[in-house]
Amino acid sequence: MRPRLRRPRIGHMLPLLGFCLLLAVALAASAQTGGVEGLAFTGAIALAFLLGSIDRRDPFRLRAARLPDALSARAVLETDLMDRDGALFIALEIDDVRQVGKRLGARALGDMTDQLAQRLRARVRGGDGFSVLAPGRFGVRLQQAGPVDLELGIRAGQRLMACANDPLRVDGMAVHCALSAGFAHAGQLRGLSPVPGLLDAAERALAAAQDAGPRSLVSFEPAMMTAPPRKGSGDRHRAAELRRAIAGGGIVAWFQPQIATDTGALAGVEALARWAHPEHGLLPPGEFLELARSAGCTAKLTDAMLAAALGQLAAWRRAGLEVPRISVNFGAADLADPTLVDRVLWALDAAGLAPSDIGIEILESVVASADPDDMVCRNVLALGARGCWVELDDFGTGSTSIAGIRRFGVRRIKLDRSLVTALDRDAGQLATVAAVLTMADQLGVEVLAEGVETPAEHHALAQLGVPHVQGHAVARPMAAADATAWIARRARILAESPAPARPARPQRTNGAVAAKGRGSPIGGETA
């Protein structure tokens, strides 16, 4: 059945009608007290206020009038149920919404939220419910005539997530994003005590989807009721738990491979922190990094990751596996530590590795804001001078200058996912990446594209001439044992396959790229 659009409610017009009534009173008073000049002045002020307050996408609704809808969104979705057994709740959110807000600004995120809300409303029937729960987050209640099952939830979730397939327009530019979603229905809550609200259950499923990676869809499971508080809600008890985990080996390294697009060979591995929590299972970095900063144990966390990452690289090499380099992330607090260089060199020496075996990943925002004379700059330069590879992470999200890349001795830049998304179908994205490649060529800097989530993106990057890629289209982050098996399997595949001829480097002229026949000879594997 084709979804029907809901008609605008007369309540949406009430704020505008009230404004017009007050304006009429003000104009009448101005005409009596100030004559024509007072009337004109009051009219001009009113017009300026109206133009600044009206919602361009809904002319009968003032921007301020949308606030009560957002504040009462949960109450509306939870209580306005005709048949609880037939209700399916779906919670959706823009992937990495916090980073999107930081990169583009609150106003741009608001515009993106409005556009996605408009698309989602078009797919919601008149008897269903829809609300914007927060900037970039949405709640949908679908009312079904009969019982709801898992297959129906998956189909509905995928249909709503597809609203983000086409680019959004923000300040005249095309912006690509993706949605992750979680869903729950009443049948999944039977037997739970206490019984959670359907929207709460859907949001717990959404949290699990976001942990799984971009564009993920997850159904609610009872085990999610024991999930830990979301990031930003840490307390003294959790801080103490984290300190014990760091001291007792509870922080483990997971590994995500990076491959060369021309040969398919392993180009490196990135080490990613995980907290093996005894009650809540494996927690991603977003669940405890902020807690580590507030608890003052960032340095110990970094030391634990250094030891785990470098120790694993040494173990792979002892086993005869060729892993060129391992990359470790360093935050602003790490880079500002006067003892950082000694700590890194000590960890390398303990593992029997050389400085060239480690990639020092630093955020572009850290480099852009660093003072040439501060400790951050000194540490990065010192590590680079000793032979460590300095890698600029999330390139394209900040404002790093070419001079900054040269000053810090950056050896490789990692293209942010925002530059990779929809590269296969967006000419603007293609031109941007081509320009970055041209700049990197001239500076002698390597390029890696991270966040490559689809085979089509992988192929487009290979055709464009991006040397290295990383992302779910190649392999997901894995535990040490799984990463070892993946690396060994890939080495066997490459050894048994005829060596592909290395194509000539694509020629770039005026931003255009000519790369005939270039592609990845061996496709990605998802572990």
Protein backbone atom coordinates (compact mmCIF):
# COMPACT_ATOMS: atom_id res chain seq x y z
CA MET A 1 0.00 0.00 0.00
CA ARG A 2 1.39 3.35 -1.01
CA PRO A 3 2.13 5.66 1.95
CA ARG A 4 -0.06 8.75 2.28
CA LEU A 5 1.17 12.18 3.21
CA ARG A 6 -0.40 13.76 6.28
CA ARG A 7 -2.16 17.06 5.81
CA PRO A 8 -0.79 20.03 7.73
CA ARG A 9 -2.73 20.52 10.97
CA ILE A 10 -4.43 23.81 11.65
CA GLY A 11 -2.35 24.01 14.83
CA HIS A 12 0.70 24.75 12.74
CA MET A 13 -0.91 28.06 11.66
CA LEU A 14 -1.78 29.29 15.15
CA PRO A 15 1.61 30.93 15.89
CA LEU A 16 1.43 32.83 12.60
CA LEU A 17 -2.19 33.92 13.20
CA GLY A 18 -1.25 35.10 16.68
CA PHE A 19 1.67 37.07 15.27
CA CYS A 20 -0.63 38.75 12.71
CA LEU A 21 -3.11 39.72 15.46
CA LEU A 22 -0.38 41.30 17.59
CA LEU A 23 0.97 43.07 14.51
CA ALA A 24 -2.44 44.58 13.79
CA VAL A 25 -2.71 45.91 17.33
CA ALA A 26 0.83 47.35 17.16
CA LEU A 27 0.14 49.04 13.83
CA ALA A 28 -3.07 50.60 15.11
CA ALA A 29 -1.29 51.95 18.19
CA SER A 30 1.57 53.31 16.06
CA ALA A 31 -0.81 55.06 13.70
CA GLN A 32 -2.48 56.89 16.60
CA THR A 33 0.73 57.89 18.40
CA GLY A 34 3.29 58.35 15.63
CA GLY A 35 1.30 58.96 12.50
CA VAL A 36 2.60 57.71 9.16
CA GLU A 37 6.24 57.61 10.28
CA GLY A 38 5.42 55.48 13.35
CA LEU A 39 3.28 53.18 11.21
CA ALA A 40 6.09 52.68 8.66
CA PHE A 41 8.71 52.06 11.36
CA THR A 42 6.58 49.45 13.15
CA GLY A 43 5.76 47.75 9.85
CA ALA A 44 9.44 47.54 8.88
CA ILE A 45 10.40 46.01 12.25
CA ALA A 46 7.57 43.48 11.98
CA LEU A 47 8.53 42.51 8.44
CA ALA A 48 12.17 41.96 9.42
CA PHE A 49 11.10 39.79 12.36
CA LEU A 50 8.74 37.75 10.19
CA LEU A 51 11.33 37.13 7.47
CA GLY A 52 13.86 36.01 10.05
CA SER A 53 11.48 33.73 11.95
CA ILE A 54 9.40 32.02 9.30
CA ASP A 55 10.28 28.48 8.25
CA ARG A 56 11.02 28.51 4.53
CA ARG A 57 9.97 24.88 4.10
CA ASP A 58 6.61 25.48 5.85
CA PRO A 59 5.48 29.10 5.37
CA PHE A 60 2.58 28.78 7.82
CA ARG A 61 4.85 27.81 10.67
CA LEU A 62 7.36 29.89 12.61
CA ARG A 63 10.69 28.33 13.60
CA ALA A 64 9.96 28.83 17.27
CA ALA A 65 6.74 26.87 16.87
CA ARG A 66 8.72 23.69 16.21
CA LEU A 67 10.22 23.55 19.70
CA PRO A 68 7.17 22.10 21.50
CA ASP A 69 7.02 19.28 18.91
CA ALA A 70 10.63 18.31 19.61
CA LEU A 71 10.20 18.54 23.38
CA SER A 72 7.08 16.37 23.40
CA ALA A 73 8.28 13.93 20.73
CA ARG A 74 8.78 11.02 23.09
CA ALA A 75 5.46 11.51 24.81
CA VAL A 76 3.62 11.62 21.49
CA LEU A 77 5.29 8.49 20.14
CA GLU A 78 4.94 6.49 23.35
CA THR A 79 1.35 7.31 24.25
CA ASP A 80 -0.42 7.76 20.91
CA LEU A 81 -0.89 4.04 20.29
CA MET A 82 -3.99 2.49 18.76
CA ASP A 83 -2.76 -1.09 19.14
CA ARG A 84 0.44 -1.77 21.05
CA ASP A 85 0.78 -5.28 19.62
CA GLY A 86 0.82 -3.86 16.10
CA ALA A 87 3.27 -1.05 16.79
CA LEU A 88 6.77 -1.03 15.37
CA PHE A 89 9.16 1.62 16.67
CA ILE A 90 12.20 2.65 14.62
CA ALA A 91 14.89 5.07 15.85
CA LEU A 92 17.22 6.54 13.22
CA GLU A 93 20.24 8.84 13.46
CA ILE A 94 22.79 10.35 11.10
CA ASP A 95 26.03 8.40 11.35
CA ASP A 96 28.70 10.26 13.35
CA VAL A 97 26.19 13.03 14.00
CA ARG A 98 28.40 14.74 16.58
CA GLN A 99 31.30 14.95 14.16
CA VAL A 100 28.97 16.21 11.44
CA GLY A 101 27.78 18.97 13.79
CA LYS A 102 31.34 19.94 14.69
CA ARG A 103 32.49 19.93 11.08
CA LEU A 104 29.56 21.73 9.44
CA GLY A 105 28.10 23.68 12.36
CA ALA A 106 24.79 23.58 14.22
CA ARG A 107 22.87 25.50 11.56
CA ALA A 108 23.96 23.13 8.78
CA LEU A 109 23.05 20.12 10.94
CA GLY A 110 19.65 21.71 11.49
CA ASP A 111 19.15 22.07 7.73
CA MET A 112 20.14 18.44 7.23
CA THR A 113 17.71 17.38 9.96
CA ASP A 114 14.89 19.33 8.31
CA GLN A 115 15.53 17.81 4.89
CA LEU A 116 15.74 14.26 6.22
CA ALA A 117 12.61 14.84 8.31
CA GLN A 118 10.77 15.94 5.17
CA ARG A 119 11.84 12.78 3.34
CA LEU A 120 10.96 10.52 6.26
CA ARG A 121 7.53 12.11 6.68
CA ALA A 122 6.82 11.37 3.02
CA ARG A 123 7.27 7.66 3.78
CA VAL A 124 5.10 7.65 6.89
CA ARG A 125 1.35 7.00 6.60
CA GLY A 126 -1.34 9.16 8.12
CA GLY A 127 -2.01 6.79 11.00
CA ASP A 128 1.66 6.46 11.93
CA GLY A 129 3.80 8.72 14.11
CA PHE A 130 6.94 10.71 13.39
CA SER A 131 9.05 13.08 15.45
CA VAL A 132 12.48 14.69 15.43
CA LEU A 133 13.98 13.51 18.73
CA ALA A 134 17.18 15.59 18.51
CA PRO A 135 19.27 17.17 15.77
CA GLY A 136 19.96 14.33 13.36
CA ARG A 137 17.86 11.79 15.32
CA PHE A 138 14.36 10.66 14.38
CA GLY A 139 11.64 8.44 15.81
CA VAL A 140 9.04 6.61 13.73
CA ARG A 141 6.04 4.60 14.97
CA LEU A 142 4.48 2.38 12.34
CA GLN A 143 1.05 0.97 13.14
CA GLN A 144 0.31 -2.43 11.63
CA ALA A 145 -3.02 -4.24 11.45
CA GLY A 146 -1.54 -7.52 12.66
CA PRO A 147 1.47 -8.80 14.58
CA VAL A 148 4.90 -7.43 13.74
CA ASP A 149 7.81 -9.76 12.97
CA LEU A 150 11.53 -9.41 12.37
CA GLU A 151 11.27 -9.43 8.58
CA LEU A 152 8.77 -6.60 8.58
CA GLY A 153 11.03 -4.55 10.86
CA ILE A 154 14.02 -5.07 8.57
CA ARG A 155 12.07 -4.06 5.46
CA ALA A 156 10.66 -0.96 7.12
CA GLY A 157 14.03 0.05 8.55
CA GLN A 158 15.78 -0.31 5.20
CA ARG A 159 13.06 1.70 3.45
CA LEU A 160 13.47 4.59 5.91
CA MET A 161 17.28 4.44 5.88
CA ALA A 162 17.16 4.84 2.08
CA CYS A 163 15.97 8.42 2.61
CA ALA A 164 19.63 9.40 3.01
CA ASN A 165 20.76 7.85 -0.28
CA ASP A 166 20.46 11.12 -2.20
CA PRO A 167 22.68 14.05 -1.17
CA LEU A 168 21.34 16.91 0.94
CA ARG A 169 21.78 20.58 0.02
CA VAL A 170 23.52 22.70 2.63
CA ASP A 171 24.52 26.25 1.74
CA GLY A 172 24.39 25.37 -1.94
CA MET A 173 26.65 22.32 -1.58
CA ALA A 174 25.83 18.63 -1.85
CA VAL A 175 26.39 16.88 1.48
CA HIS A 176 26.31 13.10 1.76
CA CYS A 177 25.33 11.30 4.92
CA ALA A 178 24.05 7.92 6.02
CA LEU A 179 21.52 6.72 8.58
CA SER A 180 21.76 3.86 11.05
CA ALA A 181 18.63 2.50 12.69
CA GLY A 182 17.35 0.27 15.46
CA PHE A 183 13.84 -1.09 15.83
CA ALA A 184 11.66 -2.83 18.39
CA HIS A 185 8.13 -4.23 18.57
CA ALA A 186 5.93 -5.31 21.46
CA GLY A 187 6.53 -9.01 20.96
CA GLN A 188 10.20 -8.54 21.82
CA LEU A 189 9.39 -6.98 25.21
CA ARG A 190 7.19 -9.73 26.61
CA GLY A 191 8.64 -11.32 29.74
CA LEU A 192 10.97 -8.41 30.52
CA SER A 193 10.82 -6.83 33.95
CA PRO A 194 10.47 -3.93 34.07
CA VAL A 195 8.96 -3.62 30.61
CA PRO A 196 10.76 -0.81 28.73
CA GLY A 197 9.02 1.62 26.43
CA LEU A 198 9.15 0.71 22.78
CA LEU A 199 11.00 3.89 21.89
CA ASP A 200 13.60 3.23 24.60
CA ALA A 201 14.07 -0.29 23.27
CA ALA A 202 14.45 1.03 19.70
CA GLU A 203 17.07 3.54 20.85
CA ARG A 204 19.06 0.79 22.56
CA ALA A 205 18.99 -1.12 19.28
CA LEU A 206 20.13 2.07 17.51
CA ALA A 207 23.10 2.32 19.90
CA ALA A 208 24.06 -1.25 18.99
CA ALA A 209 23.73 -0.41 15.28
CA GLN A 210 26.04 2.59 15.65
CA ASP A 211 28.61 0.41 17.38
CA ALA A 212 28.42 -2.03 14.45
CA GLY A 213 29.39 0.63 11.89
CA PRO A 214 27.84 3.01 9.33
CA ARG A 215 24.52 2.19 7.66
CA SER A 216 23.76 -0.56 10.18
CA LEU A 217 20.30 -1.83 11.11
CA VAL A 218 19.82 -3.77 14.36
CA SER A 219 16.77 -5.32 16.02
CA PHE A 220 16.22 -5.03 19.77
CA GLU A 221 17.31 -7.93 21.95
CA PRO A 222 16.60 -8.40 25.68
CA ALA A 223 20.35 -8.44 26.43
CA MET A 224 20.45 -4.77 25.43
CA MET A 225 18.62 -3.85 28.64
CA THR A 226 21.89 -4.46 30.51
CA ALA A 227 23.87 -2.15 28.23
CA PRO A 228 26.04 0.43 30.01
CA PRO A 229 25.12 4.11 30.12
CA ARG A 230 25.83 5.94 26.86
CA LYS A 231 28.94 8.06 26.45
CA GLY A 232 29.09 11.22 28.46
CA SER A 233 27.30 9.68 31.45
CA GLY A 234 30.34 8.27 33.27
CA ASP A 235 30.62 8.46 37.04
CA ARG A 236 33.23 7.63 39.65
CA HIS A 237 32.34 3.97 39.61
CA ARG A 238 32.90 3.67 35.86
CA ALA A 239 36.13 5.68 36.08
CA ALA A 240 37.40 3.25 38.71
CA GLU A 241 36.35 0.33 36.49
CA LEU A 242 38.28 1.82 33.58
CA ARG A 243 41.43 2.30 35.65
CA ARG A 244 41.25 -1.32 36.78
CA ALA A 245 40.72 -2.44 33.16
CA ILE A 246 43.79 -0.54 31.96
CA ALA A 247 45.94 -1.95 34.76
CA GLY A 248 44.59 -5.49 34.39
CA GLY A 249 44.68 -5.93 30.60
CA GLY A 250 41.01 -5.17 30.05
CA ILE A 251 41.83 -2.76 27.21
CA VAL A 252 42.50 -4.85 24.12
CA ALA A 253 43.58 -3.94 20.60
CA TRP A 254 41.48 -4.78 17.56
CA PHE A 255 42.92 -4.45 14.09
CA GLN A 256 41.63 -3.19 10.74
CA PRO A 257 43.69 -3.96 7.62
CA GLN A 258 44.68 -1.43 4.95
CA ILE A 259 45.36 -2.65 1.41
CA ALA A 260 46.96 -1.33 -1.78
CA THR A 261 44.46 -0.71 -4.57
CA ASP A 262 46.81 -1.70 -7.39
CA THR A 263 48.05 -5.06 -6.08
CA GLY A 264 45.68 -5.94 -3.24
CA ALA A 265 48.67 -6.41 -0.94
CA LEU A 266 48.50 -5.54 2.74
CA ALA A 267 49.70 -1.95 3.20
CA GLY A 268 49.35 -1.72 6.97
CA VAL A 269 47.03 -2.22 9.93
CA GLU A 270 45.35 0.26 12.26
CA ALA A 271 45.07 -0.63 15.96
CA LEU A 272 41.76 0.30 17.58
CA ALA A 273 41.04 0.23 21.32
CA ARG A 274 38.29 -1.92 22.82
CA TRP A 275 37.25 -2.32 26.44
CA ALA A 276 36.52 -5.96 27.31
CA HIS A 277 33.98 -5.15 30.03
CA PRO A 278 33.11 -8.11 32.31
CA GLU A 279 29.38 -7.26 32.35
CA HIS A 280 28.66 -5.28 29.20
CA GLY A 281 30.89 -7.06 26.71
CA LEU A 282 33.17 -5.41 24.19
CA LEU A 283 32.85 -1.61 24.24
CA PRO A 284 34.03 0.63 21.37
CA PRO A 285 36.20 3.72 21.97
CA GLY A 286 33.25 6.09 21.93
CA GLU A 287 32.05 4.50 25.17
CA PHE A 288 35.15 5.24 27.23
CA LEU A 289 37.53 7.76 25.62
CA GLU A 290 35.76 10.74 27.16
CA LEU A 291 35.66 8.88 30.45
CA ALA A 292 39.43 8.31 30.21
CA ARG A 293 40.01 12.04 29.67
CA SER A 294 37.86 13.05 32.62
CA ALA A 295 39.46 10.37 34.83
CA GLY A 296 42.97 11.49 33.90
CA CYS A 297 44.12 8.11 32.60
CA THR A 298 44.62 8.93 28.91
CA ALA A 299 48.40 8.38 29.08
CA LYS A 300 48.01 4.92 30.66
CA LEU A 301 45.38 4.01 28.07
CA THR A 302 47.72 5.05 25.25
CA ASP A 303 50.60 3.09 26.78
CA ALA A 304 48.39 0.00 26.97
CA MET A 305 47.45 0.38 23.31
CA LEU A 306 51.08 0.94 22.27
CA ALA A 307 52.18 -2.22 24.05
CA ALA A 308 49.33 -4.29 22.58
CA ALA A 309 49.71 -2.97 19.03
CA LEU A 310 53.49 -3.19 18.81
CA GLY A 311 53.56 -6.56 20.55
CA GLN A 312 51.08 -7.93 17.99
CA LEU A 313 53.10 -6.54 15.06
CA ALA A 314 56.21 -8.27 16.43
CA ALA A 315 54.23 -11.52 16.83
CA TRP A 316 53.03 -11.38 13.22
CA ARG A 317 56.56 -10.90 11.95
CA ARG A 318 57.84 -13.79 14.06
CA ALA A 319 55.13 -15.92 12.44
CA GLY A 320 56.40 -14.95 8.97
CA LEU A 321 53.50 -12.59 8.11
CA GLU A 322 54.45 -9.43 6.25
CA VAL A 323 52.79 -6.43 7.91
CA PRO A 324 54.54 -3.23 6.77
CA ARG A 325 53.40 -0.94 9.58
CA ILE A 326 50.89 -0.54 12.39
CA SER A 327 49.13 2.76 13.05
CA VAL A 328 48.14 3.97 16.53
CA ASN A 329 45.93 6.96 17.33
CA PHE A 330 47.23 9.78 19.53
CA GLY A 331 44.93 12.45 20.94
CA ALA A 332 45.63 16.06 21.83
CA ALA A 333 46.40 15.15 25.47
CA ASP A 334 48.94 12.53 24.36
CA LEU A 335 50.67 14.90 21.96
CA ALA A 336 50.95 17.58 24.65
CA ASP A 337 52.72 15.20 27.05
CA PRO A 338 56.46 16.07 27.35
CA THR A 339 57.28 12.38 27.92
CA LEU A 340 55.51 11.12 24.76
CA VAL A 341 58.60 10.68 22.58
CA ASP A 342 60.40 8.64 25.26
CA ARG A 343 57.29 6.52 25.85
CA VAL A 344 56.92 5.69 22.15
CA LEU A 345 60.62 4.89 21.71
CA TRP A 346 60.63 2.73 24.85
CA ALA A 347 57.59 0.76 23.58
CA LEU A 348 59.27 0.23 20.19
CA ASP A 349 62.46 -0.97 21.85
CA ALA A 350 60.54 -3.35 24.13
CA ALA A 351 58.87 -4.93 21.09
CA GLY A 352 62.12 -5.06 19.10
CA LEU A 353 60.79 -2.77 16.36
CA ALA A 354 62.12 0.26 14.51
CA PRO A 355 60.49 3.74 14.53
CA SER A 356 59.48 3.27 10.88
CA ASP A 357 57.26 0.36 11.97
CA ILE A 358 54.71 2.65 13.65
CA GLY A 359 52.33 5.20 12.20
CA ILE A 360 51.57 8.12 14.53
CA GLU A 361 47.97 9.04 13.70
CA ILE A 362 47.04 12.61 14.66
CA LEU A 363 43.78 14.41 13.96
CA GLU A 364 43.77 17.15 11.37
CA SER A 365 42.08 19.44 13.91
CA VAL A 366 45.05 19.02 16.27
CA VAL A 367 47.53 20.03 13.59
CA ALA A 368 45.41 22.98 12.45
CA SER A 369 45.25 24.45 15.97
CA ALA A 370 48.82 23.69 17.07
CA ASP A 371 51.21 26.53 17.80
CA PRO A 372 54.66 26.06 16.17
CA ASP A 373 56.32 26.55 19.57
CA ASP A 374 54.08 24.38 21.74
CA MET A 375 54.69 20.83 22.97
CA VAL A 376 52.34 19.26 20.41
CA CYS A 377 54.41 20.58 17.53
CA ARG A 378 57.70 19.61 19.22
CA ASN A 379 56.54 16.05 19.89
CA VAL A 380 55.28 15.46 16.35
CA LEU A 381 58.48 16.85 14.84
CA ALA A 382 60.64 14.80 17.22
CA LEU A 383 58.80 11.55 16.41
CA GLY A 384 59.07 12.24 12.70
CA ALA A 385 62.77 13.05 13.01
CA ARG A 386 63.37 9.69 14.66
CA GLY A 387 61.77 7.85 11.75
CA CYS A 388 58.14 7.40 12.85
CA TRP A 389 55.50 7.82 10.15
CA VAL A 390 53.31 10.84 10.89
CA GLU A 391 49.80 10.27 9.52
CA LEU A 392 47.14 12.97 9.32
CA ASP A 393 43.77 11.45 10.26
CA ASP A 394 40.31 12.67 9.17
CA PHE A 395 41.80 14.83 6.40
CA GLY A 396 39.14 17.07 4.89
CA THR A 397 37.30 17.84 8.14
CA GLY A 398 39.56 20.62 9.41
CA SER A 399 41.55 23.51 8.02
CA THR A 400 45.10 22.19 7.75
CA SER A 401 47.22 24.27 5.40
CA ILE A 402 49.80 22.93 2.97
CA ALA A 403 52.43 24.66 5.09
CA GLY A 404 51.14 22.70 8.11
CA ILE A 405 51.51 19.40 6.27
CA ARG A 406 55.09 20.28 5.37
CA ARG A 407 55.96 21.70 8.80
CA PHE A 408 54.84 18.57 10.64
CA GLY A 409 56.57 16.21 8.21
CA VAL A 410 53.33 14.36 7.41
CA ARG A 411 54.07 11.13 5.48
CA ARG A 412 50.49 10.07 4.79
CA ILE A 413 47.06 11.71 4.84
CA LYS A 414 43.92 9.70 5.52
CA LEU A 415 40.91 10.96 3.61
CA ASP A 416 37.90 11.30 5.90
CA ARG A 417 34.81 9.26 5.12
CA SER A 418 32.94 12.48 4.25
CA LEU A 419 35.13 12.71 1.12
CA VAL A 420 34.65 9.05 0.24
CA THR A 421 30.88 8.68 0.65
CA ALA A 422 29.08 8.34 -2.71
CA LEU A 423 32.33 8.93 -4.58
CA ASP A 424 31.13 6.51 -7.27
CA ARG A 425 28.10 8.66 -8.15
CA ASP A 426 29.00 12.24 -7.21
CA ALA A 427 31.18 14.20 -9.63
CA GLY A 428 31.87 16.84 -6.96
CA GLN A 429 33.29 14.26 -4.57
CA LEU A 430 35.37 12.82 -7.41
CA ALA A 431 36.83 16.22 -8.27
CA THR A 432 37.65 16.95 -4.62
CA VAL A 433 39.56 13.70 -4.14
CA ALA A 434 41.36 14.20 -7.46
CA ALA A 435 42.50 17.64 -6.26
CA VAL A 436 43.79 16.15 -2.99
CA LEU A 437 45.70 13.48 -4.92
CA THR A 438 47.32 16.12 -7.11
CA MET A 439 48.37 18.09 -4.02
CA ALA A 440 49.72 14.94 -2.34
CA ASP A 441 51.72 14.10 -5.48
CA GLN A 442 53.44 17.46 -5.41
CA LEU A 443 54.19 17.21 -1.69
CA GLY A 444 55.39 13.62 -1.84
CA VAL A 445 52.74 12.47 0.63
CA GLU A 446 50.93 9.12 0.51
CA VAL A 447 47.13 8.97 0.53
CA LEU A 448 44.81 6.45 2.18
CA ALA A 449 41.01 6.58 1.98
CA GLU A 450 39.32 5.42 5.17
CA GLY A 451 35.69 4.56 5.78
CA VAL A 452 35.32 2.75 2.45
CA GLU A 453 32.02 0.97 3.05
CA THR A 454 30.92 -0.31 -0.38
CA PRO A 455 32.59 -2.17 -3.28
CA ALA A 456 31.52 0.67 -5.58
CA GLU A 457 33.44 3.22 -3.48
CA HIS A 458 36.44 0.90 -3.38
CA HIS A 459 36.42 0.54 -7.17
CA ALA A 460 36.01 4.29 -7.76
CA LEU A 461 38.97 5.05 -5.48
CA ALA A 462 41.11 2.48 -7.28
CA GLN A 463 40.15 3.94 -10.67
CA LEU A 464 40.99 7.41 -9.39
CA GLY A 465 44.44 6.30 -8.29
CA VAL A 466 44.14 6.42 -4.49
CA PRO A 467 47.00 4.11 -3.40
CA HIS A 468 45.55 2.64 -0.18
CA VAL A 469 42.07 1.99 1.23
CA GLN A 470 40.61 0.97 4.58
CA GLY A 471 37.04 0.25 5.64
CA HIS A 472 34.29 -2.34 5.90
CA ALA A 473 34.48 -2.99 2.14
CA VAL A 474 37.95 -4.41 2.81
CA ALA A 475 37.56 -5.82 6.32
CA ARG A 476 35.93 -4.88 9.59
CA PRO A 477 37.98 -4.36 12.78
CA MET A 478 38.95 -7.78 14.18
CA ALA A 479 40.38 -9.35 17.29
CA ALA A 480 44.04 -10.37 17.10
CA ALA A 481 43.34 -14.04 16.28
CA ASP A 482 40.87 -13.16 13.51
CA ALA A 483 43.23 -10.52 12.09
CA THR A 484 46.05 -13.08 12.03
CA ALA A 485 43.87 -15.53 10.08
CA TRP A 486 42.77 -12.76 7.69
CA ILE A 487 46.35 -11.65 6.97
CA ALA A 488 47.52 -15.23 6.42
CA ARG A 489 44.58 -15.98 4.13
CA ARG A 490 45.20 -12.86 2.07
CA ALA A 491 48.91 -13.71 1.75
CA ARG A 492 47.96 -17.14 0.38
CA ILE A 493 45.52 -15.62 -2.11
CA LEU A 494 48.15 -13.20 -3.38
CA ALA A 495 50.79 -15.94 -3.60
CA GLU A 496 48.48 -18.20 -5.65
CA SER A 497 47.31 -15.41 -7.97
CA PRO A 498 49.36 -14.13 -10.93
CA ALA A 499 51.01 -10.82 -10.06
CA PRO A 500 49.03 -7.98 -11.70
CA ALA A 501 50.94 -5.52 -13.82
CA ARG A 502 51.28 -2.20 -12.07
CA PRO A 503 49.37 0.37 -14.14
CA ALA A 504 50.89 3.73 -14.91
CA ARG A 505 50.00 6.43 -12.44
CA PRO A 506 46.81 8.21 -13.61
CA GLN A 507 47.41 11.50 -15.38
CA ARG A 508 45.57 14.47 -13.90
CA THR A 509 44.90 17.53 -16.01
CA ASN A 510 42.86 20.47 -14.67
CA GLY A 511 41.35 18.27 -12.00
CA ALA A 512 40.33 15.56 -14.48
CA VAL A 513 41.62 12.04 -14.04
CA ALA A 514 42.46 9.54 -16.77
CA ALA A 515 42.83 6.04 -15.34
CA LYS A 516 41.88 3.39 -17.86
CA GLY A 517 41.58 -0.12 -16.65
CA ARG A 518 42.71 0.62 -13.13
CA GLY A 519 41.02 -1.28 -10.34
CA SER A 520 41.66 -3.44 -7.33
CA PRO A 521 42.75 -6.88 -8.63
CA ILE A 522 41.58 -8.67 -5.52
CA GLY A 523 38.37 -7.58 -3.88
CA GLY A 524 37.89 -6.89 -0.22
CA GLU A 525 37.01 -9.50 2.36
CA THR A 526 34.73 -8.94 5.28
CA ALA A 527 35.74 -10.88 8.33
